[in-house]
Every structure is written in structure tokens, then in C-alpha cells.
Protein backbone atom coordinates (compact mmCIF):
# COMPACT_ATOMS: atom_id res chain seq x y z
CA MET A 1 0.07 -0.17 -0.08
CA ILE A 2 2.55 2.52 0.85
CA LYS A 3 5.49 1.15 -1.40
CA ASN A 4 3.52 2.55 -4.38
CA LYS A 5 3.47 6.01 -2.74
CA ILE A 6 6.97 6.86 -2.37
CA LYS A 7 10.73 6.48 -3.52
CA MET A 8 12.51 4.76 -1.08
CA ASN A 9 16.45 4.67 -0.60
CA LEU A 10 17.06 2.86 2.79
CA GLN A 11 21.01 2.86 2.30
CA ASN A 12 21.01 6.64 2.56
CA ALA A 13 17.86 6.82 4.77
CA ILE A 14 15.72 8.83 2.17
CA LEU A 15 12.07 8.88 1.36
CA ILE A 16 11.01 11.06 -1.51
CA PHE A 17 7.32 11.86 -1.62
CA THR A 18 6.01 12.57 -5.10
CA GLU A 19 3.12 14.75 -4.26
CA GLU A 20 1.90 17.82 -2.49
CA MET A 21 0.48 17.04 1.04
CA GLU A 22 -1.94 18.57 4.00
CA TYR A 23 -1.65 18.94 7.70
CA THR A 24 -3.96 16.78 9.91
CA ASP A 25 -5.32 17.18 13.41
CA THR A 26 -7.59 14.20 13.62
CA LEU A 27 -8.00 10.91 12.05
CA ARG A 28 -10.88 8.61 11.06
CA LEU A 29 -10.82 5.02 11.85
CA ALA A 30 -9.94 4.22 7.90
CA HIS A 31 -7.23 6.55 8.58
CA SER A 32 -6.02 5.36 11.75
CA ILE A 33 -5.90 1.91 10.04
CA GLN A 34 -3.50 3.26 7.50
CA LEU A 35 -1.45 4.61 10.06
CA ILE A 36 -1.25 1.22 11.60
CA ASP A 37 -0.30 -0.22 8.29
CA ILE A 38 2.39 2.23 7.80
CA VAL A 39 3.83 1.30 10.87
CA LYS A 40 3.61 -2.25 10.24
CA PHE A 41 5.38 -1.78 6.94
CA LEU A 42 8.21 0.10 8.53
CA TYR A 43 8.83 -2.52 11.20
CA LYS A 44 8.64 -5.36 8.46
CA ASN A 45 11.69 -3.37 6.83
CA TYR A 46 13.21 -2.91 10.22
CA ILE A 47 12.95 0.76 10.23
CA ILE A 48 11.82 2.68 13.65
CA HIS A 49 10.32 6.08 13.04
CA ARG A 50 10.82 7.27 16.84
CA ASP A 51 8.94 10.86 16.45
CA ILE A 52 5.16 9.92 15.32
CA ARG A 53 3.13 12.82 15.83
CA PRO A 54 0.28 14.77 14.65
CA PRO A 55 2.52 17.17 12.58
CA ILE A 56 4.19 14.13 11.12
CA VAL A 57 1.34 12.65 9.62
CA MET A 58 -0.20 14.40 6.66
CA PHE A 59 -2.53 13.63 3.97
CA GLY A 60 -1.74 13.12 0.10
CA ASN A 61 -3.59 14.32 -2.88
CA ASP A 62 -5.70 10.92 -2.92
CA ASN A 63 -6.58 11.30 0.73
CA ASN A 64 -4.34 8.85 2.20
CA LEU A 65 -2.05 9.11 4.94
CA ARG A 66 1.50 10.02 4.51
CA LEU A 67 4.07 9.53 7.26
CA ILE A 68 7.04 12.54 6.87
CA GLY A 69 9.86 13.41 9.21
CA PHE A 70 12.14 10.51 9.12
CA GLY A 71 15.26 12.52 10.64
CA PHE A 72 15.07 10.44 14.05
CA ALA A 73 14.41 7.34 12.08
CA TYR A 74 16.81 4.40 12.75
CA LYS A 75 17.32 1.33 10.04
CA PHE A 76 18.21 -1.89 11.87
CA LYS A 77 19.95 -4.63 10.63
CA GLU A 78 17.87 -8.01 10.40
CA ASN A 79 19.66 -9.46 13.29
CA GLU A 80 19.55 -6.31 15.64
CA MET A 81 15.60 -6.44 16.13
CA ARG A 82 14.50 -9.57 18.71
């Protein structure tokens, strides 16, 4: 779901969004589920965001959530997470 919306370069810890986004203050149930899916995707790819808060969660043009602000994120090696 999220993979198709961003260009990823995990070796250099760069995520580039290809669309304009808007801030959000509240989430509907469907958007909360999307946020959980985003966190699951990061976890499966050994990435810990470490700064998820309302200003970091935005809406894309298609009304789906985007998580930004990966400045504090950490990419684990597969054998580090247990």
C-alpha cells in the first residue's frame, strides 16, 4: 500500500514523496488503520520512526495518509531486532 506512494532509498535513509500533502489534526477510523499499516510496513523493513506525532502525519492528494519526518528514524539490521 505505502510502497507505491514513495520513492525509497533505505541505504541513505531518504524518502521522497512525489506529491503535495496537507496537515491533519484528527484521524478517522480508516486513516487510523492506514497509520497502523504504515508502522507495520516500517517494522517489516526494520525501520523505527521514533517521532510519530500529529504534525508528522499528513494527507496526500488521494486522501491517504503519509508519514513524514524521518530525521530521527533508525534502520536496523535484520539480526539487531529481536
